[in-house]
Amino acid sequence: ALLTLLCLFFFNDTATTEIYTLSLHDALPISNPQTYWLSLTGALAIFIDPVIGSKLAIPLYLIIGGLGIYLLARRLGANEITASIAMPIFLTSGFMATHLSAGQFLWLNLVWVPWVFWAYLKSQERWWWLIVSAAFLTIIGLEGRSYLIAYIAIALGSHALLTNFIQRAKGRVILNILLIDRKSTRLN
């Protein structure tokens, strides 16, 4: 029964009443990196209902994103009130609201971005937080936003470069560009 559900989910074309065939679309939907079949939205759509599952995914993602931006703001030195204000600003940004109102649920995985940065900043204390940051990047990639990974890598590299220049840590710029922070390279 589960195999039947998976086949109907992957091979059913929602734009038409036809079954998804290679002759109709030239490729399987799982070959496109911009599909959300390995995401929370995809899982809920398979196991509950495509419409209800997608609707349930939105508040779950918003809770995940709200907690992530709150922790990131606190990590960056914001007090509790300011960090609480950062949550609705991030989650109701025009970019997110525009895409969600158009039904583009692929953009829900933007909520993982604060988690990537939070874990990266935590890696300044312990090196293994880099693995956690990489895990969040992997989640973003598996959920269908392969292009977002490149933007995050550029942002993290820029952050590392600027942090190095600010701290005047000469000779370690290249290591920080490769996402290895000066403090995290020491084994505790």
Protein backbone atom coordinates (compact mmCIF):
# COMPACT_ATOMS: atom_id res chain seq x y z
CA ALA A 1 0.00 0.00 0.00
CA LEU A 2 2.85 2.38 0.81
CA LEU A 3 4.50 1.66 -2.54
CA THR A 4 1.22 2.43 -4.31
CA LEU A 5 0.93 5.75 -2.46
CA LEU A 6 4.51 6.66 -3.31
CA CYS A 7 4.02 5.81 -6.98
CA LEU A 8 0.82 7.84 -7.17
CA PHE A 9 2.54 10.77 -5.45
CA PHE A 10 5.63 10.77 -7.67
CA PHE A 11 3.98 9.91 -10.97
CA ASN A 12 0.75 11.86 -10.66
CA ASP A 13 0.81 15.13 -12.56
CA THR A 14 -1.12 17.72 -10.54
CA ALA A 15 -1.46 20.05 -13.54
CA THR A 16 -3.48 17.50 -15.51
CA THR A 17 -5.57 14.44 -14.82
CA GLU A 18 -3.02 12.23 -16.55
CA ILE A 19 -0.55 9.96 -14.79
CA TYR A 20 3.03 11.26 -14.88
CA THR A 21 4.77 9.54 -17.78
CA LEU A 22 8.25 9.98 -19.19
CA SER A 23 6.84 10.66 -22.66
CA LEU A 24 4.64 13.42 -21.24
CA HIS A 25 7.34 15.21 -19.20
CA ASP A 26 10.73 13.78 -20.28
CA ALA A 27 11.94 13.06 -16.72
CA LEU A 28 10.95 11.68 -13.36
CA PRO A 29 9.98 14.32 -10.77
CA ILE A 30 12.67 12.99 -8.43
CA SER A 31 15.35 13.99 -10.93
CA ASN A 32 14.56 17.68 -10.51
CA PRO A 33 16.52 19.23 -7.63
CA GLN A 34 13.69 21.70 -7.04
CA THR A 35 11.11 19.25 -5.76
CA TYR A 36 10.06 18.91 -2.16
CA TRP A 37 9.58 15.17 -2.10
CA LEU A 38 12.19 14.72 0.67
CA SER A 39 10.77 17.49 2.84
CA LEU A 40 8.31 17.69 5.69
CA THR A 41 5.75 19.02 3.21
CA GLY A 42 6.27 16.04 0.92
CA ALA A 43 6.03 13.56 3.79
CA LEU A 44 2.80 15.10 5.08
CA ALA A 45 1.38 15.18 1.56
CA ILE A 46 2.13 11.47 1.12
CA PHE A 47 0.90 10.21 4.47
CA ILE A 48 -2.04 12.53 5.17
CA ASP A 49 -3.35 14.26 2.06
CA PRO A 50 -1.69 16.52 -0.52
CA VAL A 51 -3.80 19.55 0.39
CA ILE A 52 -4.13 19.01 4.14
CA GLY A 53 -0.50 17.91 4.47
CA SER A 54 0.72 21.05 2.74
CA LYS A 55 -1.45 23.21 4.99
CA LEU A 56 -0.15 21.44 8.10
CA ALA A 57 3.46 21.90 6.97
CA ILE A 58 3.21 25.70 6.95
CA PRO A 59 2.75 26.22 10.73
CA LEU A 60 5.32 23.52 11.50
CA TYR A 61 7.91 25.24 9.32
CA LEU A 62 7.04 28.63 10.78
CA ILE A 63 7.58 27.30 14.30
CA ILE A 64 10.94 25.83 13.26
CA GLY A 65 11.94 29.11 11.58
CA GLY A 66 10.73 31.25 14.47
CA LEU A 67 12.76 29.28 16.97
CA GLY A 68 15.80 29.38 14.67
CA ILE A 69 15.74 33.14 14.15
CA TYR A 70 15.13 33.68 17.86
CA LEU A 71 18.19 31.59 18.79
CA LEU A 72 20.29 33.27 16.10
CA ALA A 73 19.31 36.73 17.33
CA ARG A 74 20.14 35.74 20.90
CA ARG A 75 23.48 34.34 19.70
CA LEU A 76 24.23 37.65 18.01
CA GLY A 77 23.66 39.48 21.29
CA ALA A 78 20.03 40.56 21.07
CA ASN A 79 17.98 40.65 24.24
CA GLU A 80 14.80 38.58 24.58
CA ILE A 81 12.44 41.30 23.39
CA THR A 82 14.50 42.14 20.32
CA ALA A 83 14.91 38.45 19.48
CA SER A 84 11.15 38.00 19.82
CA ILE A 85 10.59 40.88 17.40
CA ALA A 86 12.99 39.25 14.91
CA MET A 87 10.67 36.25 14.61
CA PRO A 88 7.68 37.95 12.93
CA ILE A 89 9.97 40.17 10.87
CA PHE A 90 11.73 37.14 9.41
CA LEU A 91 8.65 34.95 9.02
CA THR A 92 6.37 37.59 7.51
CA SER A 93 8.90 39.12 5.17
CA GLY A 94 7.52 40.09 1.79
CA PHE A 95 9.59 37.42 0.09
CA MET A 96 8.23 34.58 2.21
CA ALA A 97 4.64 35.87 2.21
CA THR A 98 4.58 36.35 -1.57
CA HIS A 99 5.81 32.85 -2.30
CA LEU A 100 3.60 31.13 0.26
CA SER A 101 0.48 32.97 -0.90
CA ALA A 102 1.24 31.74 -4.44
CA GLY A 103 1.53 28.16 -3.16
CA GLN A 104 5.28 27.89 -3.69
CA PHE A 105 6.03 25.67 -0.71
CA LEU A 106 9.62 25.10 -1.83
CA TRP A 107 10.47 28.40 -0.17
CA LEU A 108 9.40 27.05 3.22
CA ASN A 109 12.90 25.66 3.65
CA LEU A 110 14.18 29.20 4.12
CA VAL A 111 13.38 28.55 7.77
CA TRP A 112 16.52 26.37 7.96
CA VAL A 113 18.82 29.30 7.09
CA PRO A 114 18.92 30.76 10.63
CA TRP A 115 19.76 27.28 11.93
CA VAL A 116 22.72 27.05 9.55
CA PHE A 117 24.09 30.39 10.78
CA TRP A 118 23.34 29.63 14.43
CA ALA A 119 25.23 26.33 14.28
CA TYR A 120 28.08 27.99 12.39
CA LEU A 121 28.41 30.67 15.07
CA LYS A 122 28.31 27.97 17.76
CA SER A 123 31.25 26.31 16.00
CA GLN A 124 33.45 29.11 17.30
CA GLU A 125 33.23 27.37 20.68
CA ARG A 126 33.22 23.73 19.60
CA TRP A 127 34.31 22.48 16.18
CA TRP A 128 31.63 19.79 15.89
CA TRP A 129 28.92 22.42 15.46
CA LEU A 130 30.21 22.69 11.88
CA ILE A 131 28.79 19.22 11.32
CA VAL A 132 25.42 20.40 12.61
CA SER A 133 25.59 23.42 10.30
CA ALA A 134 26.41 21.14 7.38
CA ALA A 135 23.46 18.92 8.34
CA PHE A 136 21.10 21.90 8.10
CA LEU A 137 22.60 22.74 4.70
CA THR A 138 21.94 19.15 3.65
CA ILE A 139 18.31 19.46 4.73
CA ILE A 140 17.96 22.55 2.54
CA GLY A 141 19.44 20.68 -0.40
CA LEU A 142 17.26 17.62 0.08
CA GLU A 143 14.17 19.79 0.37
CA GLY A 144 14.74 21.19 -3.09
CA ARG A 145 16.62 24.47 -2.76
CA SER A 146 19.98 23.58 -4.21
CA TYR A 147 20.58 27.18 -5.30
CA LEU A 148 20.04 28.45 -1.78
CA ILE A 149 23.05 26.41 -0.62
CA ALA A 150 25.33 28.47 -2.88
CA TYR A 151 23.98 31.73 -1.45
CA ILE A 152 24.44 30.50 2.10
CA ALA A 153 28.01 29.39 1.34
CA ILE A 154 28.78 32.86 -0.04
CA ALA A 155 27.24 34.49 3.05
CA LEU A 156 29.15 32.23 5.45
CA GLY A 157 32.40 32.80 3.56
CA SER A 158 31.84 36.56 3.60
CA HIS A 159 31.10 36.45 7.31
CA ALA A 160 34.28 34.49 7.98
CA LEU A 161 36.35 36.88 5.85
CA LEU A 162 34.96 39.99 7.53
CA THR A 163 35.35 38.45 10.98
CA ASN A 164 38.98 37.77 10.21
CA PHE A 165 39.63 41.28 9.06
CA ILE A 166 37.90 42.71 12.11
CA GLN A 167 39.86 40.51 14.49
CA ARG A 168 43.08 41.12 12.52
CA ALA A 169 43.83 37.42 12.44
CA LYS A 170 46.41 37.41 9.68
CA GLY A 171 47.29 34.13 8.06
CA ARG A 172 43.97 32.46 8.89
CA VAL A 173 41.77 34.10 6.27
CA ILE A 174 41.83 31.14 3.92
CA LEU A 175 40.89 28.71 6.70
CA ASN A 176 37.88 30.81 7.64
CA ILE A 177 36.76 31.05 4.04
CA LEU A 178 36.61 27.26 4.06
CA LEU A 179 34.20 27.48 7.03
CA ILE A 180 36.79 26.48 9.61
CA ASP A 181 36.84 29.04 12.34
CA ARG A 182 40.02 29.88 14.22
CA LYS A 183 38.59 28.86 17.58
CA SER A 184 37.04 25.65 16.31
CA THR A 185 40.32 24.28 14.96
CA ARG A 186 41.71 23.86 18.46
CA LEU A 187 40.82 20.53 19.96
CA ASN A 188 39.45 20.96 23.44
